[in-house]
Amino acid sequence: MFQVTTLIGDAEKVEKELIKNPPPSEADIEAAKALVKEKGEVVAQLKSAKAGKAEITVSVAELNKAKETLSRLEERPKLKHGIPQKDGKIHYSQDIFARQAFLTVSGQLQVETYACAVCSVYTFGPAF
């Protein structure tokens, strides 16, 4: 039997992401927090000054973008290398099967490779 998991692909994606974009420094996070605060104050000033709807909408969009950037920066340090583990064992709750799963080595499984090459493939034997 072969073990099946979707965690390996996710772990590889996280690994590539961490190599490509290293975690931000505290200064980067503080700068993003200051930007969110600044954009929030601009929106508050525009609302109190009863500015036009279009102007407020643009400022709110900028504020939302700054909040999204801050959220991503704060989540970066929480990314872990490798397959998720709990108590030294693989933590399958994040896997598509939500538990340890296996494939059987059967004639039907092996014939799937032939089905890609030829159009008519038949198997004989018990099917479950």
N, C-alpha and C. Protein backbone atom coordinates (compact mmCIF):
# COMPACT_ATOMS: atom_id res chain seq x y z
N MET A 1 0.84 -1.18 0.00
CA MET A 1 0.00 0.00 0.00
C MET A 1 0.89 1.24 0.00
N PHE A 2 0.37 2.29 -0.63
CA PHE A 2 1.08 3.55 -0.70
C PHE A 2 0.34 4.59 0.13
N GLN A 3 1.08 5.35 0.93
CA GLN A 3 0.44 6.40 1.71
C GLN A 3 0.14 7.59 0.81
N VAL A 4 -1.02 8.20 1.00
CA VAL A 4 -1.46 9.33 0.20
C VAL A 4 -1.62 10.53 1.12
N THR A 5 -1.09 11.67 0.69
CA THR A 5 -1.27 12.90 1.46
C THR A 5 -1.15 14.11 0.54
N THR A 6 -1.83 15.16 0.91
CA THR A 6 -1.72 16.42 0.17
C THR A 6 -0.83 17.41 0.91
N LEU A 7 -0.29 17.00 2.04
CA LEU A 7 0.52 17.90 2.86
C LEU A 7 1.87 18.20 2.24
N ILE A 8 2.42 17.28 1.46
CA ILE A 8 3.75 17.48 0.89
C ILE A 8 3.76 18.66 -0.07
N GLY A 9 2.75 18.74 -0.93
CA GLY A 9 2.66 19.86 -1.87
C GLY A 9 2.54 21.18 -1.15
N ASP A 10 1.73 21.23 -0.10
CA ASP A 10 1.59 22.46 0.68
C ASP A 10 2.90 22.83 1.35
N ALA A 11 3.61 21.84 1.88
CA ALA A 11 4.89 22.11 2.54
C ALA A 11 5.90 22.66 1.56
N GLU A 12 5.90 22.13 0.34
CA GLU A 12 6.82 22.63 -0.69
C GLU A 12 6.48 24.07 -1.07
N LYS A 13 5.19 24.39 -1.16
CA LYS A 13 4.79 25.77 -1.47
C LYS A 13 5.25 26.72 -0.39
N VAL A 14 5.07 26.35 0.87
CA VAL A 14 5.49 27.19 1.98
C VAL A 14 7.01 27.38 1.95
N GLU A 15 7.73 26.30 1.70
CA GLU A 15 9.20 26.36 1.63
C GLU A 15 9.65 27.33 0.55
N LYS A 16 9.05 27.24 -0.65
CA LYS A 16 9.41 28.14 -1.74
C LYS A 16 9.06 29.59 -1.39
N GLU A 17 7.92 29.78 -0.75
CA GLU A 17 7.49 31.12 -0.36
C GLU A 17 8.46 31.72 0.65
N LEU A 18 8.91 30.92 1.60
CA LEU A 18 9.84 31.42 2.62
C LEU A 18 11.20 31.75 2.02
N ILE A 19 11.61 30.99 1.01
CA ILE A 19 12.89 31.28 0.35
C ILE A 19 12.77 32.55 -0.49
N LYS A 20 11.67 32.65 -1.23
CA LYS A 20 11.46 33.80 -2.12
C LYS A 20 11.24 35.09 -1.34
N ASN A 21 10.44 35.02 -0.29
CA ASN A 21 10.11 36.20 0.52
C ASN A 21 10.39 35.91 1.99
N PRO A 22 11.57 36.29 2.48
CA PRO A 22 11.86 36.04 3.89
C PRO A 22 10.92 36.81 4.81
N PRO A 23 10.74 36.35 6.04
CA PRO A 23 9.83 37.03 6.96
C PRO A 23 10.23 38.49 7.18
N PRO A 24 9.25 39.37 7.38
CA PRO A 24 9.55 40.80 7.56
C PRO A 24 10.17 41.07 8.92
N SER A 25 10.88 42.18 9.00
CA SER A 25 11.46 42.59 10.27
C SER A 25 10.40 43.32 11.10
N GLU A 26 10.72 43.54 12.35
CA GLU A 26 9.79 44.28 13.23
C GLU A 26 9.58 45.69 12.70
N ALA A 27 10.63 46.27 12.11
CA ALA A 27 10.52 47.62 11.56
C ALA A 27 9.52 47.66 10.41
N ASP A 28 9.51 46.62 9.59
CA ASP A 28 8.54 46.55 8.48
C ASP A 28 7.11 46.49 9.01
N ILE A 29 6.91 45.70 10.05
CA ILE A 29 5.57 45.56 10.63
C ILE A 29 5.13 46.87 11.28
N GLU A 30 6.05 47.52 11.99
CA GLU A 30 5.72 48.81 12.62
C GLU A 30 5.40 49.87 11.56
N ALA A 31 6.15 49.88 10.46
CA ALA A 31 5.88 50.83 9.38
C ALA A 31 4.50 50.57 8.77
N ALA A 32 4.13 49.31 8.62
CA ALA A 32 2.80 48.98 8.08
C ALA A 32 1.71 49.41 9.04
N LYS A 33 1.93 49.23 10.35
CA LYS A 33 0.95 49.68 11.36
C LYS A 33 0.79 51.19 11.31
N ALA A 34 1.90 51.91 11.15
CA ALA A 34 1.84 53.37 11.07
C ALA A 34 1.08 53.80 9.82
N LEU A 35 1.28 53.10 8.72
CA LEU A 35 0.58 53.42 7.47
C LEU A 35 -0.93 53.20 7.63
N VAL A 36 -1.32 52.11 8.29
CA VAL A 36 -2.75 51.85 8.53
C VAL A 36 -3.34 52.96 9.39
N LYS A 37 -2.61 53.35 10.42
CA LYS A 37 -3.09 54.43 11.30
C LYS A 37 -3.24 55.73 10.52
N GLU A 38 -2.26 56.03 9.69
CA GLU A 38 -2.29 57.25 8.88
C GLU A 38 -3.48 57.24 7.92
N LYS A 39 -3.68 56.12 7.23
CA LYS A 39 -4.79 56.02 6.27
C LYS A 39 -6.13 56.11 7.00
N GLY A 40 -6.20 55.53 8.21
CA GLY A 40 -7.43 55.62 9.00
C GLY A 40 -7.75 57.05 9.40
N GLU A 41 -6.72 57.79 9.75
CA GLU A 41 -6.92 59.20 10.12
C GLU A 41 -7.37 60.02 8.92
N VAL A 42 -6.83 59.72 7.74
CA VAL A 42 -7.25 60.43 6.52
C VAL A 42 -8.73 60.18 6.25
N VAL A 43 -9.15 58.92 6.39
CA VAL A 43 -10.56 58.58 6.16
C VAL A 43 -11.44 59.31 7.18
N ALA A 44 -11.02 59.32 8.44
CA ALA A 44 -11.79 60.01 9.48
C ALA A 44 -11.89 61.51 9.20
N GLN A 45 -10.80 62.12 8.75
CA GLN A 45 -10.83 63.55 8.43
C GLN A 45 -11.76 63.83 7.25
N LEU A 46 -11.71 62.97 6.25
CA LEU A 46 -12.59 63.17 5.09
C LEU A 46 -14.06 63.04 5.48
N LYS A 47 -14.35 62.09 6.35
CA LYS A 47 -15.75 61.92 6.78
C LYS A 47 -16.21 63.10 7.62
N SER A 48 -15.34 63.58 8.51
CA SER A 48 -15.73 64.71 9.36
C SER A 48 -15.86 66.00 8.55
N ALA A 49 -15.10 66.10 7.45
CA ALA A 49 -15.18 67.28 6.60
C ALA A 49 -16.29 67.16 5.56
N LYS A 50 -17.01 66.04 5.61
CA LYS A 50 -18.10 65.77 4.68
C LYS A 50 -17.63 65.88 3.22
N ALA A 51 -16.52 65.20 2.94
CA ALA A 51 -15.96 65.19 1.59
C ALA A 51 -16.86 64.38 0.67
N GLY A 52 -16.57 64.44 -0.60
CA GLY A 52 -17.36 63.73 -1.59
C GLY A 52 -17.24 62.21 -1.44
N LYS A 53 -18.27 61.52 -1.89
CA LYS A 53 -18.31 60.05 -1.77
C LYS A 53 -17.15 59.40 -2.52
N ALA A 54 -16.83 59.90 -3.70
CA ALA A 54 -15.74 59.31 -4.50
C ALA A 54 -14.41 59.43 -3.77
N GLU A 55 -14.16 60.58 -3.16
CA GLU A 55 -12.91 60.81 -2.43
C GLU A 55 -12.80 59.88 -1.22
N ILE A 56 -13.91 59.73 -0.50
CA ILE A 56 -13.92 58.84 0.67
C ILE A 56 -13.73 57.39 0.23
N THR A 57 -14.37 57.00 -0.87
CA THR A 57 -14.26 55.63 -1.38
C THR A 57 -12.82 55.29 -1.73
N VAL A 58 -12.13 56.21 -2.37
CA VAL A 58 -10.72 56.00 -2.72
C VAL A 58 -9.88 55.84 -1.47
N SER A 59 -10.12 56.69 -0.48
CA SER A 59 -9.35 56.63 0.77
C SER A 59 -9.63 55.34 1.54
N VAL A 60 -10.87 54.89 1.54
CA VAL A 60 -11.22 53.63 2.21
C VAL A 60 -10.56 52.46 1.50
N ALA A 61 -10.51 52.49 0.18
CA ALA A 61 -9.84 51.43 -0.58
C ALA A 61 -8.35 51.38 -0.23
N GLU A 62 -7.71 52.56 -0.11
CA GLU A 62 -6.30 52.61 0.28
C GLU A 62 -6.11 52.07 1.69
N LEU A 63 -7.04 52.40 2.59
CA LEU A 63 -6.97 51.90 3.97
C LEU A 63 -7.10 50.38 3.99
N ASN A 64 -8.04 49.84 3.23
CA ASN A 64 -8.22 48.38 3.17
C ASN A 64 -6.99 47.68 2.61
N LYS A 65 -6.37 48.28 1.61
CA LYS A 65 -5.15 47.71 1.04
C LYS A 65 -4.03 47.71 2.08
N ALA A 66 -3.90 48.79 2.83
CA ALA A 66 -2.87 48.88 3.87
C ALA A 66 -3.14 47.85 4.97
N LYS A 67 -4.41 47.65 5.34
CA LYS A 67 -4.75 46.64 6.35
C LYS A 67 -4.43 45.24 5.86
N GLU A 68 -4.70 44.98 4.60
CA GLU A 68 -4.41 43.66 4.01
C GLU A 68 -2.90 43.39 4.02
N THR A 69 -2.13 44.40 3.66
CA THR A 69 -0.68 44.27 3.66
C THR A 69 -0.17 44.00 5.08
N LEU A 70 -0.70 44.72 6.06
CA LEU A 70 -0.31 44.51 7.45
C LEU A 70 -0.66 43.10 7.90
N SER A 71 -1.82 42.63 7.54
CA SER A 71 -2.25 41.28 7.91
C SER A 71 -1.30 40.24 7.35
N ARG A 72 -0.93 40.39 6.08
CA ARG A 72 0.02 39.45 5.46
C ARG A 72 1.38 39.50 6.14
N LEU A 73 1.83 40.70 6.49
CA LEU A 73 3.12 40.83 7.17
C LEU A 73 3.10 40.18 8.54
N GLU A 74 1.99 40.31 9.25
CA GLU A 74 1.89 39.71 10.59
C GLU A 74 1.77 38.19 10.52
N GLU A 75 1.22 37.65 9.44
CA GLU A 75 1.07 36.20 9.29
C GLU A 75 2.37 35.52 8.85
N ARG A 76 3.25 36.24 8.16
CA ARG A 76 4.48 35.65 7.63
C ARG A 76 5.32 34.92 8.67
N PRO A 77 5.60 35.52 9.83
CA PRO A 77 6.46 34.82 10.80
C PRO A 77 5.83 33.53 11.34
N LYS A 78 4.52 33.36 11.17
CA LYS A 78 3.85 32.16 11.69
C LYS A 78 3.98 30.96 10.76
N LEU A 79 4.47 31.17 9.51
CA LEU A 79 4.64 30.05 8.59
C LEU A 79 5.77 29.15 9.07
N LYS A 80 5.54 27.86 9.05
CA LYS A 80 6.53 26.87 9.51
C LYS A 80 7.03 26.05 8.33
N HIS A 81 8.31 25.64 8.40
CA HIS A 81 8.89 24.77 7.38
C HIS A 81 8.34 23.36 7.52
N GLY A 82 8.24 22.65 6.41
CA GLY A 82 7.93 21.22 6.43
C GLY A 82 6.47 20.89 6.65
N ILE A 83 6.24 19.60 6.80
CA ILE A 83 4.90 19.06 7.00
C ILE A 83 4.45 19.37 8.42
N PRO A 84 3.18 19.82 8.61
CA PRO A 84 2.70 20.14 9.96
C PRO A 84 2.76 18.93 10.88
N GLN A 85 3.28 19.16 12.08
CA GLN A 85 3.40 18.07 13.04
C GLN A 85 2.79 18.46 14.38
N LYS A 86 2.32 17.45 15.10
CA LYS A 86 1.76 17.64 16.43
C LYS A 86 2.29 16.50 17.29
N ASP A 87 2.95 16.81 18.35
CA ASP A 87 3.56 15.82 19.25
C ASP A 87 4.52 14.90 18.51
N GLY A 88 5.27 15.44 17.55
CA GLY A 88 6.25 14.66 16.82
C GLY A 88 5.70 13.78 15.72
N LYS A 89 4.40 13.77 15.52
CA LYS A 89 3.77 12.97 14.46
C LYS A 89 3.12 13.89 13.45
N ILE A 90 2.93 13.38 12.22
CA ILE A 90 2.29 14.18 11.17
C ILE A 90 0.87 14.53 11.59
N HIS A 91 0.53 15.81 11.47
CA HIS A 91 -0.79 16.32 11.86
C HIS A 91 -1.68 16.33 10.61
N TYR A 92 -2.54 15.33 10.49
CA TYR A 92 -3.34 15.13 9.28
C TYR A 92 -4.59 16.00 9.20
N SER A 93 -4.90 16.78 10.21
CA SER A 93 -6.14 17.56 10.18
C SER A 93 -6.19 18.55 9.02
N GLN A 94 -5.02 18.97 8.53
CA GLN A 94 -4.98 19.92 7.41
C GLN A 94 -4.95 19.21 6.06
N ASP A 95 -4.88 17.89 6.07
CA ASP A 95 -4.86 17.10 4.84
C ASP A 95 -6.27 16.99 4.29
N ILE A 96 -6.39 16.75 3.00
CA ILE A 96 -7.71 16.64 2.36
C ILE A 96 -8.52 15.49 2.95
N PHE A 97 -7.84 14.41 3.37
CA PHE A 97 -8.53 13.25 3.93
C PHE A 97 -8.79 13.39 5.43
N ALA A 98 -8.12 14.34 6.08
CA ALA A 98 -8.23 14.61 7.52
C ALA A 98 -7.80 13.43 8.39
N ARG A 99 -7.15 12.44 7.79
CA ARG A 99 -6.60 11.31 8.54
C ARG A 99 -5.59 10.61 7.63
N GLN A 100 -4.86 9.67 8.19
CA GLN A 100 -3.89 8.93 7.40
C GLN A 100 -4.64 8.08 6.37
N ALA A 101 -4.21 8.13 5.09
CA ALA A 101 -4.91 7.41 4.02
C ALA A 101 -3.90 6.66 3.16
N PHE A 102 -4.35 5.54 2.57
CA PHE A 102 -3.50 4.70 1.75
C PHE A 102 -4.19 4.33 0.45
N LEU A 103 -3.39 4.04 -0.59
CA LEU A 103 -3.89 3.48 -1.84
C LEU A 103 -3.54 2.01 -1.87
N THR A 104 -4.41 1.23 -2.41
CA THR A 104 -4.12 -0.20 -2.56
C THR A 104 -3.43 -0.43 -3.91
N VAL A 105 -2.62 -1.45 -3.98
CA VAL A 105 -1.99 -1.82 -5.24
C VAL A 105 -2.87 -2.88 -5.87
N SER A 106 -3.74 -2.46 -6.74
CA SER A 106 -4.66 -3.39 -7.38
C SER A 106 -4.52 -3.30 -8.89
N GLY A 107 -5.10 -4.27 -9.58
CA GLY A 107 -5.07 -4.26 -11.03
C GLY A 107 -5.75 -3.04 -11.61
N GLN A 108 -6.82 -2.61 -10.95
CA GLN A 108 -7.54 -1.44 -11.45
C GLN A 108 -6.67 -0.19 -11.34
N LEU A 109 -5.92 -0.08 -10.26
CA LEU A 109 -5.06 1.08 -10.09
C LEU A 109 -3.95 1.08 -11.14
N GLN A 110 -3.37 -0.08 -11.38
CA GLN A 110 -2.28 -0.17 -12.35
C GLN A 110 -2.75 0.04 -13.77
N VAL A 111 -3.98 -0.33 -14.08
CA VAL A 111 -4.47 -0.19 -15.45
C VAL A 111 -4.78 1.27 -15.78
N GLU A 112 -4.87 2.13 -14.79
CA GLU A 112 -5.14 3.54 -15.07
C GLU A 112 -4.03 4.16 -15.91
N THR A 113 -2.80 3.73 -15.71
CA THR A 113 -1.70 4.27 -16.53
C THR A 113 -1.86 3.85 -17.98
N TYR A 114 -2.34 2.62 -18.21
CA TYR A 114 -2.56 2.15 -19.58
C TYR A 114 -3.74 2.88 -20.23
N ALA A 115 -4.73 3.24 -19.43
CA ALA A 115 -5.91 3.91 -19.96
C ALA A 115 -5.56 5.26 -20.56
N CYS A 116 -4.50 5.88 -20.10
CA CYS A 116 -4.07 7.16 -20.66
C CYS A 116 -3.46 6.98 -22.05
N ALA A 117 -2.88 5.80 -22.29
CA ALA A 117 -2.19 5.57 -23.56
C ALA A 117 -3.10 4.94 -24.62
N VAL A 118 -3.97 4.04 -24.22
CA VAL A 118 -4.87 3.37 -25.16
C VAL A 118 -6.31 3.63 -24.74
N CYS A 119 -7.21 3.56 -25.70
CA CYS A 119 -8.58 3.96 -25.39
C CYS A 119 -9.40 2.88 -24.70
N SER A 120 -9.20 1.61 -25.00
CA SER A 120 -10.00 0.54 -24.40
C SER A 120 -9.12 -0.34 -23.53
N VAL A 121 -9.40 -0.34 -22.24
CA VAL A 121 -8.62 -1.13 -21.29
C VAL A 121 -9.60 -1.91 -20.44
N TYR A 122 -9.32 -3.20 -20.22
CA TYR A 122 -10.20 -4.05 -19.43
C TYR A 122 -9.41 -4.70 -18.32
N THR A 123 -10.08 -4.92 -17.18
CA THR A 123 -9.45 -5.64 -16.08
C THR A 123 -10.34 -6.81 -15.70
N PHE A 124 -9.74 -7.87 -15.16
CA PHE A 124 -10.46 -9.02 -14.69
C PHE A 124 -10.09 -9.23 -13.23
N GLY A 125 -11.03 -9.58 -12.45
CA GLY A 125 -10.77 -9.83 -11.04
C GLY A 125 -11.80 -9.16 -10.18
N PRO A 126 -11.71 -9.38 -8.90
CA PRO A 126 -12.71 -8.78 -8.01
C PRO A 126 -12.56 -7.27 -7.96
N ALA A 127 -13.67 -6.59 -7.93
CA ALA A 127 -13.67 -5.14 -7.80
C ALA A 127 -14.45 -4.77 -6.55
N PHE A 128 -13.88 -3.92 -5.73
CA PHE A 128 -14.52 -3.56 -4.46
C PHE A 128 -14.95 -2.12 -4.48
